[in-house]
Amino acid sequence: RLMSLLERFSPLVEPLSVDEAFLDVSGQDRLGGEPTAIARRLKAAIRDELSLTASVGISYCKFLAKLASDLEKPDGLTQIGTDDVERILAPLPVSRIWGVGPKAASRLADYGIRTIAQLRAAGVEFLQRRFGAEGEHWWNLARGIDPRPVQTEHDAKSIGQEQTFDADLDDPDAVREALLGQCEQVGHRLRRAGVRAGRVMVKIRYGDFETITRSATLNDPAEETRRIWETARGLFDAWAATSFRPVRLIGVTAADLDRGQRQMTLFDEAGRDKSLKVDRAMDAIKDRFGKRAIRRGGA
């Protein structure tokens, strides 16, 4: 219900999770007024129709809009313009930068970098040497540079979900549990976008930032959470059986998205229809009551 409501305010909606999304309202001055006016109407609609509060952030790029929305939760409206970037970002801890988790923040602190101002002052060359491409990305975000466009899931080339843990997880079952939750979210987003995955990828990152990926191509594209989960779990289990190390980040991505009509044989039609009925019933509950209202067991 939330995503349907958001799409009334802009055709360009990029879900970040089941209860968070980016909207591109540029060029809508003649239709809906200034962004702040649109944001106020959006908050009122969410309150009146869903009985929920909403924190809205407004800015010229995705990173700053997300940051603005986080500054005054749970019912705020914050705008960050180009003239506000240095003033607002400079005193904030580096953990406010998208992608800087506790482990990365600790490593930055080892170099005396604790605030965004200090990260900017460190320079891109230093950050690249110590943290690779991620360091350069952090430096750009610290300067308010984030060129990524708002991309609807129908037009996306992939749909993914990942989670960075506060500490390295050394229990494979705990990592599987997180992976299951991500597969549920990815499946939900696939169905909402009306697309199916031709390939499933699992991303694993260790505490030292070494990252590996594993992928599998599906015999025919899938939108059912069960098939996404079974494929992702198989990839994870094959890796864990011989190479398990404590995990700092786990993620799953549905790629090679197919927008054509689903092809099924008589032998698999009944089973898939049953899985989809379960998925759509769970989707409806989550859309109404939130993503934590119901979930699968069996990780």
C-alpha atoms as a PDB file:
ATOM      1  CA  ARG A   1       0.000   0.000   0.000  1.00  0.00           C
ATOM      2  CA  LEU A   2       2.805   2.426   0.777  1.00  0.00           C
ATOM      3  CA  MET A   3       4.505   2.025  -2.611  1.00  0.00           C
ATOM      4  CA  SER A   4       1.186   2.447  -4.421  1.00  0.00           C
ATOM      5  CA  LEU A   5       0.600   5.658  -2.476  1.00  0.00           C
ATOM      6  CA  LEU A   6       4.089   6.961  -3.299  1.00  0.00           C
ATOM      7  CA  GLU A   7       3.538   6.308  -7.004  1.00  0.00           C
ATOM      8  CA  ARG A   8       0.672   8.814  -6.922  1.00  0.00           C
ATOM      9  CA  PHE A   9       3.227  11.523  -6.143  1.00  0.00           C
ATOM     10  CA  SER A  10       5.858  10.540  -8.716  1.00  0.00           C
ATOM     11  CA  PRO A  11       6.241   7.920 -11.460  1.00  0.00           C
ATOM     12  CA  LEU A  12       9.884   7.542 -10.393  1.00  0.00           C
ATOM     13  CA  VAL A  13       9.870   5.543  -7.149  1.00  0.00           C
ATOM     14  CA  GLU A  14      12.833   3.399  -6.102  1.00  0.00           C
ATOM     15  CA  PRO A  15      12.101   1.184  -3.073  1.00  0.00           C
ATOM     16  CA  LEU A  16      14.936   0.949  -0.571  1.00  0.00           C
ATOM     17  CA  SER A  17      13.030  -1.482   1.639  1.00  0.00           C
ATOM     18  CA  VAL A  18       9.366  -2.362   2.127  1.00  0.00           C
ATOM     19  CA  ASP A  19       8.818   0.865   4.100  1.00  0.00           C
ATOM     20  CA  GLU A  20      11.387   3.245   2.596  1.00  0.00           C
ATOM     21  CA  ALA A  21      11.862   4.620  -0.908  1.00  0.00           C
ATOM     22  CA  PHE A  22      13.339   7.386  -3.042  1.00  0.00           C
ATOM     23  CA  LEU A  23      11.066   9.607  -5.139  1.00  0.00           C
ATOM     24  CA  ASP A  24      12.276  11.814  -7.970  1.00  0.00           C
ATOM     25  CA  VAL A  25      10.010  14.877  -8.037  1.00  0.00           C
ATOM     26  CA  SER A  26      12.261  17.032 -10.226  1.00  0.00           C
ATOM     27  CA  GLY A  27      10.387  18.786 -12.997  1.00  0.00           C
ATOM     28  CA  GLN A  28       7.071  18.533 -11.178  1.00  0.00           C
ATOM     29  CA  ASP A  29       6.791  22.182 -10.167  1.00  0.00           C
ATOM     30  CA  ARG A  30       3.950  22.739 -12.581  1.00  0.00           C
ATOM     31  CA  LEU A  31       2.152  19.606 -11.374  1.00  0.00           C
ATOM     32  CA  GLY A  32       2.598  19.504  -7.643  1.00  0.00           C
ATOM     33  CA  GLY A  33       4.502  22.536  -6.451  1.00  0.00           C
ATOM     34  CA  GLU A  34       7.860  22.804  -4.766  1.00  0.00           C
ATOM     35  CA  PRO A  35       9.421  19.657  -3.210  1.00  0.00           C
ATOM     36  CA  THR A  36       8.588  20.850   0.320  1.00  0.00           C
ATOM     37  CA  ALA A  37       4.921  21.245  -0.619  1.00  0.00           C
ATOM     38  CA  ILE A  38       4.894  17.775  -2.184  1.00  0.00           C
ATOM     39  CA  ALA A  39       6.562  16.367   0.934  1.00  0.00           C
ATOM     40  CA  ARG A  40       3.912  17.892   3.217  1.00  0.00           C
ATOM     41  CA  ARG A  41       1.102  16.443   1.119  1.00  0.00           C
ATOM     42  CA  LEU A  42       2.877  13.088   1.076  1.00  0.00           C
ATOM     43  CA  LYS A  43       3.204  13.036   4.865  1.00  0.00           C
ATOM     44  CA  ALA A  44      -0.458  13.965   5.234  1.00  0.00           C
ATOM     45  CA  ALA A  45      -1.555  11.182   2.853  1.00  0.00           C
ATOM     46  CA  ILE A  46       0.511   8.582   4.734  1.00  0.00           C
ATOM     47  CA  ARG A  47      -0.965   9.764   8.018  1.00  0.00           C
ATOM     48  CA  ASP A  48      -4.572   9.886   6.781  1.00  0.00           C
ATOM     49  CA  GLU A  49      -4.601   6.714   4.664  1.00  0.00           C
ATOM     50  CA  LEU A  50      -2.136   4.440   6.472  1.00  0.00           C
ATOM     51  CA  SER A  51      -2.282   5.869  10.011  1.00  0.00           C
ATOM     52  CA  LEU A  52       1.515   6.130  10.022  1.00  0.00           C
ATOM     53  CA  THR A  53       4.049   8.864  10.578  1.00  0.00           C
ATOM     54  CA  ALA A  54       6.748   9.422   7.987  1.00  0.00           C
ATOM     55  CA  SER A  55      10.124  11.121   8.008  1.00  0.00           C
ATOM     56  CA  VAL A  56      10.859  12.834   4.692  1.00  0.00           C
ATOM     57  CA  GLY A  57      14.228  14.075   3.500  1.00  0.00           C
ATOM     58  CA  ILE A  58      14.657  16.385   0.515  1.00  0.00           C
ATOM     59  CA  SER A  59      17.860  16.967  -1.409  1.00  0.00           C
ATOM     60  CA  TYR A  60      19.443  16.973  -4.844  1.00  0.00           C
ATOM     61  CA  CYS A  61      20.944  13.455  -4.528  1.00  0.00           C
ATOM     62  CA  LYS A  62      19.998  10.139  -2.976  1.00  0.00           C
ATOM     63  CA  PHE A  63      22.615  10.045  -0.222  1.00  0.00           C
ATOM     64  CA  LEU A  64      21.681  13.470   1.130  1.00  0.00           C
ATOM     65  CA  ALA A  65      17.942  12.789   0.857  1.00  0.00           C
ATOM     66  CA  LYS A  66      18.400   9.595   2.894  1.00  0.00           C
ATOM     67  CA  LEU A  67      20.552  11.419   5.434  1.00  0.00           C
ATOM     68  CA  ALA A  68      17.992  14.229   5.708  1.00  0.00           C
ATOM     69  CA  SER A  69      15.198  11.738   6.349  1.00  0.00           C
ATOM     70  CA  ASP A  70      17.225  10.176   9.176  1.00  0.00           C
ATOM     71  CA  LEU A  71      17.962  13.478  10.927  1.00  0.00           C
ATOM     72  CA  GLU A  72      14.476  14.074  12.319  1.00  0.00           C
ATOM     73  CA  LYS A  73      12.818  10.703  12.766  1.00  0.00           C
ATOM     74  CA  PRO A  74      10.109   9.594  13.202  1.00  0.00           C
ATOM     75  CA  ASP A  75       8.001  12.479  11.867  1.00  0.00           C
ATOM     76  CA  GLY A  76      10.354  15.049  10.402  1.00  0.00           C
ATOM     77  CA  LEU A  77      10.755  16.982   7.184  1.00  0.00           C
ATOM     78  CA  THR A  78      14.327  18.086   6.467  1.00  0.00           C
ATOM     79  CA  GLN A  79      15.843  19.655   3.360  1.00  0.00           C
ATOM     80  CA  ILE A  80      19.549  19.761   2.514  1.00  0.00           C
ATOM     81  CA  GLY A  81      20.519  22.164  -0.255  1.00  0.00           C
ATOM     82  CA  THR A  82      23.875  22.699  -1.914  1.00  0.00           C
ATOM     83  CA  ASP A  83      24.704  25.522   0.493  1.00  0.00           C
ATOM     84  CA  ASP A  84      23.961  23.299   3.503  1.00  0.00           C
ATOM     85  CA  VAL A  85      26.206  20.351   2.691  1.00  0.00           C
ATOM     86  CA  GLU A  86      29.416  21.325   4.470  1.00  0.00           C
ATOM     87  CA  ARG A  87      27.646  22.818   7.502  1.00  0.00           C
ATOM     88  CA  ILE A  88      25.434  19.776   8.082  1.00  0.00           C
ATOM     89  CA  LEU A  89      27.853  17.009   7.133  1.00  0.00           C
ATOM     90  CA  ALA A  90      31.118  18.264   8.646  1.00  0.00           C
ATOM     91  CA  PRO A  91      30.407  17.516  12.338  1.00  0.00           C
ATOM     92  CA  LEU A  92      28.638  14.205  11.751  1.00  0.00           C
ATOM     93  CA  PRO A  93      30.405  10.916  12.532  1.00  0.00           C
ATOM     94  CA  VAL A  94      31.730   8.972   9.554  1.00  0.00           C
ATOM     95  CA  SER A  95      29.179   6.240  10.318  1.00  0.00           C
ATOM     96  CA  ARG A  96      26.553   8.549   8.800  1.00  0.00           C
ATOM     97  CA  ILE A  97      28.085   7.952   5.373  1.00  0.00           C
ATOM     98  CA  TRP A  98      26.268   5.304   3.428  1.00  0.00           C
ATOM     99  CA  GLY A  99      28.342   2.116   3.537  1.00  0.00           C
ATOM    100  CA  VAL A 100      30.526   3.008   6.536  1.00  0.00           C
ATOM    101  CA  GLY A 101      29.606   0.417   9.139  1.00  0.00           C
ATOM    102  CA  PRO A 102      31.098  -0.074  12.615  1.00  0.00           C
ATOM    103  CA  LYS A 103      34.123  -2.005  11.311  1.00  0.00           C
ATOM    104  CA  ALA A 104      34.957   0.609   8.669  1.00  0.00           C
ATOM    105  CA  ALA A 105      34.390   3.411  11.189  1.00  0.00           C
ATOM    106  CA  SER A 106      36.825   1.687  13.566  1.00  0.00           C
ATOM    107  CA  ARG A 107      39.463   1.391  10.855  1.00  0.00           C
ATOM    108  CA  LEU A 108      39.001   5.045   9.909  1.00  0.00           C
ATOM    109  CA  ALA A 109      39.354   5.991  13.576  1.00  0.00           C
ATOM    110  CA  ASP A 110      42.727   4.220  13.611  1.00  0.00           C
ATOM    111  CA  TYR A 111      43.853   6.927  11.159  1.00  0.00           C
ATOM    112  CA  GLY A 112      42.318   9.704  13.254  1.00  0.00           C
ATOM    113  CA  ILE A 113      39.261  10.013  11.019  1.00  0.00           C
ATOM    114  CA  ARG A 114      36.093  10.198  13.111  1.00  0.00           C
ATOM    115  CA  THR A 115      34.010  12.924  11.482  1.00  0.00           C
ATOM    116  CA  ILE A 116      32.962  13.586   7.918  1.00  0.00           C
ATOM    117  CA  ALA A 117      35.053  16.762   7.946  1.00  0.00           C
ATOM    118  CA  GLN A 118      38.132  14.715   8.823  1.00  0.00           C
ATOM    119  CA  LEU A 119      37.336  12.204   6.093  1.00  0.00           C
ATOM    120  CA  ARG A 120      37.114  14.979   3.512  1.00  0.00           C
ATOM    121  CA  ALA A 121      40.408  16.425   4.735  1.00  0.00           C
ATOM    122  CA  ALA A 122      42.131  13.031   4.430  1.00  0.00           C
ATOM    123  CA  GLY A 123      41.897  13.292   0.653  1.00  0.00           C
ATOM    124  CA  VAL A 124      40.801  10.864  -2.003  1.00  0.00           C
ATOM    125  CA  GLU A 125      44.285   9.446  -2.643  1.00  0.00           C
ATOM    126  CA  PHE A 126      44.737   8.386   0.982  1.00  0.00           C
ATOM    127  CA  LEU A 127      41.280   6.800   1.124  1.00  0.00           C
ATOM    128  CA  GLN A 128      41.828   4.950  -2.162  1.00  0.00           C
ATOM    129  CA  ARG A 129      45.127   3.504  -0.918  1.00  0.00           C
ATOM    130  CA  ARG A 130      43.608   2.296   2.346  1.00  0.00           C
ATOM    131  CA  PHE A 131      40.085   1.311   1.298  1.00  0.00           C
ATOM    132  CA  GLY A 132      40.103   0.994  -2.492  1.00  0.00           C
ATOM    133  CA  ALA A 133      37.106   2.062  -4.573  1.00  0.00           C
ATOM    134  CA  GLU A 134      34.936   2.258  -1.466  1.00  0.00           C
ATOM    135  CA  GLY A 135      37.218   4.922  -0.026  1.00  0.00           C
ATOM    136  CA  GLU A 136      36.770   7.056  -3.126  1.00  0.00           C
ATOM    137  CA  HIS A 137      33.008   6.546  -2.944  1.00  0.00           C
ATOM    138  CA  TRP A 138      32.941   7.652   0.711  1.00  0.00           C
ATOM    139  CA  TRP A 139      34.979  10.745  -0.134  1.00  0.00           C
ATOM    140  CA  ASN A 140      32.518  11.730  -2.858  1.00  0.00           C
ATOM    141  CA  LEU A 141      29.538  11.217  -0.558  1.00  0.00           C
ATOM    142  CA  ALA A 142      31.254  13.326   2.116  1.00  0.00           C
ATOM    143  CA  ARG A 143      31.330  16.159  -0.440  1.00  0.00           C
ATOM    144  CA  GLY A 144      27.665  15.710  -1.355  1.00  0.00           C
ATOM    145  CA  ILE A 145      28.410  13.969  -4.653  1.00  0.00           C
ATOM    146  CA  ASP A 146      26.161  11.022  -5.500  1.00  0.00           C
ATOM    147  CA  PRO A 147      25.273  10.734  -9.204  1.00  0.00           C
ATOM    148  CA  ARG A 148      23.109   7.616  -8.863  1.00  0.00           C
ATOM    149  CA  PRO A 149      19.656   8.277 -10.342  1.00  0.00           C
ATOM    150  CA  VAL A 150      16.349   7.226  -8.854  1.00  0.00           C
ATOM    151  CA  GLN A 151      15.560   4.011 -10.715  1.00  0.00           C
ATOM    152  CA  THR A 152      12.208   2.254 -10.709  1.00  0.00           C
ATOM    153  CA  GLU A 153      12.334  -1.478 -10.114  1.00  0.00           C
ATOM    154  CA  HIS A 154      10.513  -2.135 -13.387  1.00  0.00           C
ATOM    155  CA  ASP A 155      13.442  -0.531 -15.228  1.00  0.00           C
ATOM    156  CA  ALA A 156      16.165  -1.894 -12.961  1.00  0.00           C
ATOM    157  CA  LYS A 157      18.703  -4.407 -14.229  1.00  0.00           C
ATOM    158  CA  SER A 158      18.817  -6.123 -10.842  1.00  0.00           C
ATOM    159  CA  ILE A 159      17.098  -6.082  -7.457  1.00  0.00           C
ATOM    160  CA  GLY A 160      19.206  -6.689  -4.366  1.00  0.00           C
ATOM    161  CA  GLN A 161      19.291  -6.505  -0.604  1.00  0.00           C
ATOM    162  CA  GLU A 162      22.271  -6.638   1.735  1.00  0.00           C
ATOM    163  CA  GLN A 163      23.054  -6.223   5.420  1.00  0.00           C
ATOM    164  CA  THR A 164      26.193  -5.171   7.250  1.00  0.00           C
ATOM    165  CA  PHE A 165      26.443  -6.623  10.755  1.00  0.00           C
ATOM    166  CA  ASP A 166      27.655  -4.691  13.781  1.00  0.00           C
ATOM    167  CA  ALA A 167      30.261  -7.405  14.393  1.00  0.00           C
ATOM    168  CA  ASP A 168      31.577 -10.328  12.356  1.00  0.00           C
ATOM    169  CA  LEU A 169      29.148 -13.257  12.496  1.00  0.00           C
ATOM    170  CA  ASP A 170      30.890 -16.571  13.087  1.00  0.00           C
ATOM    171  CA  ASP A 171      27.698 -18.668  13.197  1.00  0.00           C
ATOM    172  CA  PRO A 172      26.641 -19.936   9.735  1.00  0.00           C
ATOM    173  CA  ASP A 173      23.040 -20.374  10.924  1.00  0.00           C
ATOM    174  CA  ALA A 174      22.832 -16.716  11.938  1.00  0.00           C
ATOM    175  CA  VAL A 175      24.111 -15.684   8.504  1.00  0.00           C
ATOM    176  CA  ARG A 176      21.555 -17.982   6.826  1.00  0.00           C
ATOM    177  CA  GLU A 177      18.792 -16.375   8.898  1.00  0.00           C
ATOM    178  CA  ALA A 178      19.802 -12.945   7.604  1.00  0.00           C
ATOM    179  CA  LEU A 179      20.029 -14.292   4.048  1.00  0.00           C
ATOM    180  CA  LEU A 180      16.507 -15.720   4.295  1.00  0.00           C
ATOM    181  CA  GLY A 181      15.135 -12.332   5.314  1.00  0.00           C
ATOM    182  CA  GLN A 182      16.882 -10.713   2.354  1.00  0.00           C
ATOM    183  CA  CYS A 183      15.476 -13.313  -0.053  1.00  0.00           C
ATOM    184  CA  GLU A 184      11.998 -12.514   1.257  1.00  0.00           C
ATOM    185  CA  GLN A 185      12.508  -8.811   0.584  1.00  0.00           C
ATOM    186  CA  VAL A 186      13.966  -9.422  -2.885  1.00  0.00           C
ATOM    187  CA  GLY A 187      11.096 -11.760  -3.783  1.00  0.00           C
ATOM    188  CA  HIS A 188       8.569  -9.174  -2.589  1.00  0.00           C
ATOM    189  CA  ARG A 189      10.187  -6.497  -4.731  1.00  0.00           C
ATOM    190  CA  LEU A 190      10.356  -8.775  -7.788  1.00  0.00           C
ATOM    191  CA  ARG A 191       6.631  -9.455  -7.601  1.00  0.00           C
ATOM    192  CA  ARG A 192       5.788  -5.814  -7.024  1.00  0.00           C
ATOM    193  CA  ALA A 193       7.803  -4.841 -10.107  1.00  0.00           C
ATOM    194  CA  GLY A 194       6.299  -7.641 -12.198  1.00  0.00           C
ATOM    195  CA  VAL A 195       9.685  -9.164 -13.084  1.00  0.00           C
ATOM    196  CA  ARG A 196      11.444 -12.496 -12.566  1.00  0.00           C
ATOM    197  CA  ALA A 197      15.075 -13.345 -11.857  1.00  0.00           C
ATOM    198  CA  GLY A 198      17.151 -15.295 -14.341  1.00  0.00           C
ATOM    199  CA  ARG A 199      20.166 -15.347 -12.046  1.00  0.00           C
ATOM    200  CA  VAL A 200      20.715 -15.209  -8.276  1.00  0.00           C
ATOM    201  CA  MET A 201      23.904 -13.815  -6.753  1.00  0.00           C
ATOM    202  CA  VAL A 202      25.134 -13.989  -3.159  1.00  0.00           C
ATOM    203  CA  LYS A 203      27.655 -11.456  -1.876  1.00  0.00           C
ATOM    204  CA  ILE A 204      29.837 -12.140   1.161  1.00  0.00           C
ATOM    205  CA  ARG A 205      32.232  -9.682   2.782  1.00  0.00           C
ATOM    206  CA  TYR A 206      34.692 -10.434   5.559  1.00  0.00           C
ATOM    207  CA  GLY A 207      35.762  -8.083   8.330  1.00  0.00           C
ATOM    208  CA  ASP A 208      38.910  -7.130   6.389  1.00  0.00           C
ATOM    209  CA  PHE A 209      36.723  -5.932   3.457  1.00  0.00           C
ATOM    210  CA  GLU A 210      37.628  -8.852   1.201  1.00  0.00           C
ATOM    211  CA  THR A 211      34.485  -9.544  -0.822  1.00  0.00           C
ATOM    212  CA  ILE A 212      33.437 -12.615  -2.787  1.00  0.00           C
ATOM    213  CA  THR A 213      30.378 -13.333  -4.907  1.00  0.00           C
ATOM    214  CA  ARG A 214      28.737 -16.544  -6.025  1.00  0.00           C
ATOM    215  CA  SER A 215      25.984 -16.824  -8.633  1.00  0.00           C
ATOM    216  CA  ALA A 216      23.722 -19.373 -10.273  1.00  0.00           C
ATOM    217  CA  THR A 217      21.618 -19.174 -13.414  1.00  0.00           C
ATOM    218  CA  LEU A 218      18.064 -20.451 -13.088  1.00  0.00           C
ATOM    219  CA  ASN A 219      16.628 -22.873 -15.621  1.00  0.00           C
ATOM    220  CA  ASP A 220      13.717 -20.523 -15.986  1.00  0.00           C
ATOM    221  CA  PRO A 221      13.176 -17.128 -14.353  1.00  0.00           C
ATOM    222  CA  ALA A 222      11.721 -17.050 -10.838  1.00  0.00           C
ATOM    223  CA  GLU A 223       9.633 -14.631  -8.814  1.00  0.00           C
ATOM    224  CA  GLU A 224       8.797 -17.040  -5.985  1.00  0.00           C
ATOM    225  CA  THR A 225      10.636 -16.394  -2.734  1.00  0.00           C
ATOM    226  CA  ARG A 226      11.069 -20.150  -2.244  1.00  0.00           C
ATOM    227  CA  ARG A 227      13.120 -20.511  -5.434  1.00  0.00           C
ATOM    228  CA  ILE A 228      15.199 -17.388  -4.730  1.00  0.00           C
ATOM    229  CA  TRP A 229      15.903 -18.684  -1.208  1.00  0.00           C
ATOM    230  CA  GLU A 230      16.724 -22.233  -2.273  1.00  0.00           C
ATOM    231  CA  THR A 231      19.190 -20.956  -4.862  1.00  0.00           C
ATOM    232  CA  ALA A 232      20.822 -18.432  -2.511  1.00  0.00           C
ATOM    233  CA  ARG A 233      21.028 -20.979   0.311  1.00  0.00           C
ATOM    234  CA  GLY A 234      22.644 -23.506  -2.037  1.00  0.00           C
ATOM    235  CA  LEU A 235      25.292 -20.967  -3.042  1.00  0.00           C
ATOM    236  CA  PHE A 236      25.947 -20.031   0.580  1.00  0.00           C
ATOM    237  CA  ASP A 237      26.095 -23.637   1.791  1.00  0.00           C
ATOM    238  CA  ALA A 238      28.517 -24.656  -0.961  1.00  0.00           C
ATOM    239  CA  TRP A 239      30.842 -21.815   0.067  1.00  0.00           C
ATOM    240  CA  ALA A 240      30.418 -22.367   3.806  1.00  0.00           C
ATOM    241  CA  ALA A 241      31.153 -26.102   3.565  1.00  0.00           C
ATOM    242  CA  THR A 242      34.765 -25.468   2.569  1.00  0.00           C
ATOM    243  CA  SER A 243      35.590 -21.784   3.069  1.00  0.00           C
ATOM    244  CA  PHE A 244      33.508 -20.354   5.905  1.00  0.00           C
ATOM    245  CA  ARG A 245      34.995 -17.362   7.693  1.00  0.00           C
ATOM    246  CA  PRO A 246      33.258 -14.851   9.975  1.00  0.00           C
ATOM    247  CA  VAL A 247      30.989 -12.672   7.851  1.00  0.00           C
ATOM    248  CA  ARG A 248      30.605  -8.897   8.140  1.00  0.00           C
ATOM    249  CA  LEU A 249      28.159  -8.414   5.220  1.00  0.00           C
ATOM    250  CA  ILE A 250      25.759 -10.728   3.399  1.00  0.00           C
ATOM    251  CA  GLY A 251      23.646  -9.846   0.394  1.00  0.00           C
ATOM    252  CA  VAL A 252      21.502 -11.384  -2.314  1.00  0.00           C
ATOM    253  CA  THR A 253      20.731  -9.991  -5.768  1.00  0.00           C
ATOM    254  CA  ALA A 254      18.228 -11.059  -8.399  1.00  0.00           C
ATOM    255  CA  ALA A 255      19.711 -10.332 -11.819  1.00  0.00           C
ATOM    256  CA  ASP A 256      19.035 -10.934 -15.531  1.00  0.00           C
ATOM    257  CA  LEU A 257      15.472  -9.759 -14.950  1.00  0.00           C
ATOM    258  CA  ASP A 258      12.806 -11.068 -17.277  1.00  0.00           C
ATOM    259  CA  ARG A 259       9.678  -9.074 -18.031  1.00  0.00           C
ATOM    260  CA  GLY A 260       8.071 -11.543 -20.422  1.00  0.00           C
ATOM    261  CA  GLN A 261       5.164 -13.869 -19.782  1.00  0.00           C
ATOM    262  CA  ARG A 262       5.947 -16.714 -17.399  1.00  0.00           C
ATOM    263  CA  GLN A 263       6.411 -20.111 -19.046  1.00  0.00           C
ATOM    264  CA  MET A 264       5.358 -23.185 -17.047  1.00  0.00           C
ATOM    265  CA  THR A 265       4.793 -26.849 -17.760  1.00  0.00           C
ATOM    266  CA  LEU A 266       1.819 -28.864 -16.504  1.00  0.00           C
ATOM    267  CA  PHE A 267       4.143 -30.591 -14.034  1.00  0.00           C
ATOM    268  CA  ASP A 268       5.339 -27.463 -12.229  1.00  0.00           C
ATOM    269  CA  GLU A 269       2.283 -25.221 -12.608  1.00  0.00           C
ATOM    270  CA  ALA A 270       0.467 -26.415  -9.483  1.00  0.00           C
ATOM    271  CA  GLY A 271       3.526 -26.166  -7.247  1.00  0.00           C
ATOM    272  CA  ARG A 272       4.471 -22.705  -8.445  1.00  0.00           C
ATOM    273  CA  ASP A 273       0.924 -21.407  -8.165  1.00  0.00           C
ATOM    274  CA  LYS A 274       0.816 -22.589  -4.562  1.00  0.00           C
ATOM    275  CA  SER A 275       4.139 -20.869  -3.791  1.00  0.00           C
ATOM    276  CA  LEU A 276       2.966 -17.647  -5.414  1.00  0.00           C
ATOM    277  CA  LYS A 277      -0.308 -17.698  -3.493  1.00  0.00           C
ATOM    278  CA  VAL A 278       1.636 -17.986  -0.247  1.00  0.00           C
ATOM    279  CA  ASP A 279       4.017 -15.223  -1.351  1.00  0.00           C
ATOM    280  CA  ARG A 280       1.229 -12.839  -2.320  1.00  0.00           C
ATOM    281  CA  ALA A 281      -0.658 -13.483   0.905  1.00  0.00           C
ATOM    282  CA  MET A 282       2.499 -12.645   2.853  1.00  0.00           C
ATOM    283  CA  ASP A 283       3.116  -9.601   0.629  1.00  0.00           C
ATOM    284  CA  ALA A 284      -0.361  -8.291   1.449  1.00  0.00           C
ATOM    285  CA  ILE A 285       0.213  -8.707   5.197  1.00  0.00           C
ATOM    286  CA  LYS A 286       3.579  -6.926   5.025  1.00  0.00           C
ATOM    287  CA  ASP A 287       2.192  -4.114   2.883  1.00  0.00           C
ATOM    288  CA  ARG A 288      -0.508  -3.508   5.459  1.00  0.00           C
ATOM    289  CA  PHE A 289       1.245  -4.177   8.766  1.00  0.00           C
ATOM    290  CA  GLY A 290       4.961  -3.764   7.999  1.00  0.00           C
ATOM    291  CA  LYS A 291       7.836  -6.009   6.969  1.00  0.00           C
ATOM    292  CA  ARG A 292       8.188  -7.570  10.442  1.00  0.00           C
ATOM    293  CA  ALA A 293       4.545  -8.653  10.645  1.00  0.00           C
ATOM    294  CA  ILE A 294       5.231 -12.101   9.179  1.00  0.00           C
ATOM    295  CA  ARG A 295       8.161 -14.086   7.856  1.00  0.00           C
ATOM    296  CA  ARG A 296       9.217 -17.585   6.938  1.00  0.00           C
ATOM    297  CA  GLY A 297      10.991 -20.045   9.187  1.00  0.00           C
ATOM    298  CA  GLY A 298      13.466 -22.694   8.176  1.00  0.00           C
ATOM    299  CA  ALA A 299      16.797 -20.910   7.693  1.00  0.00           C
END
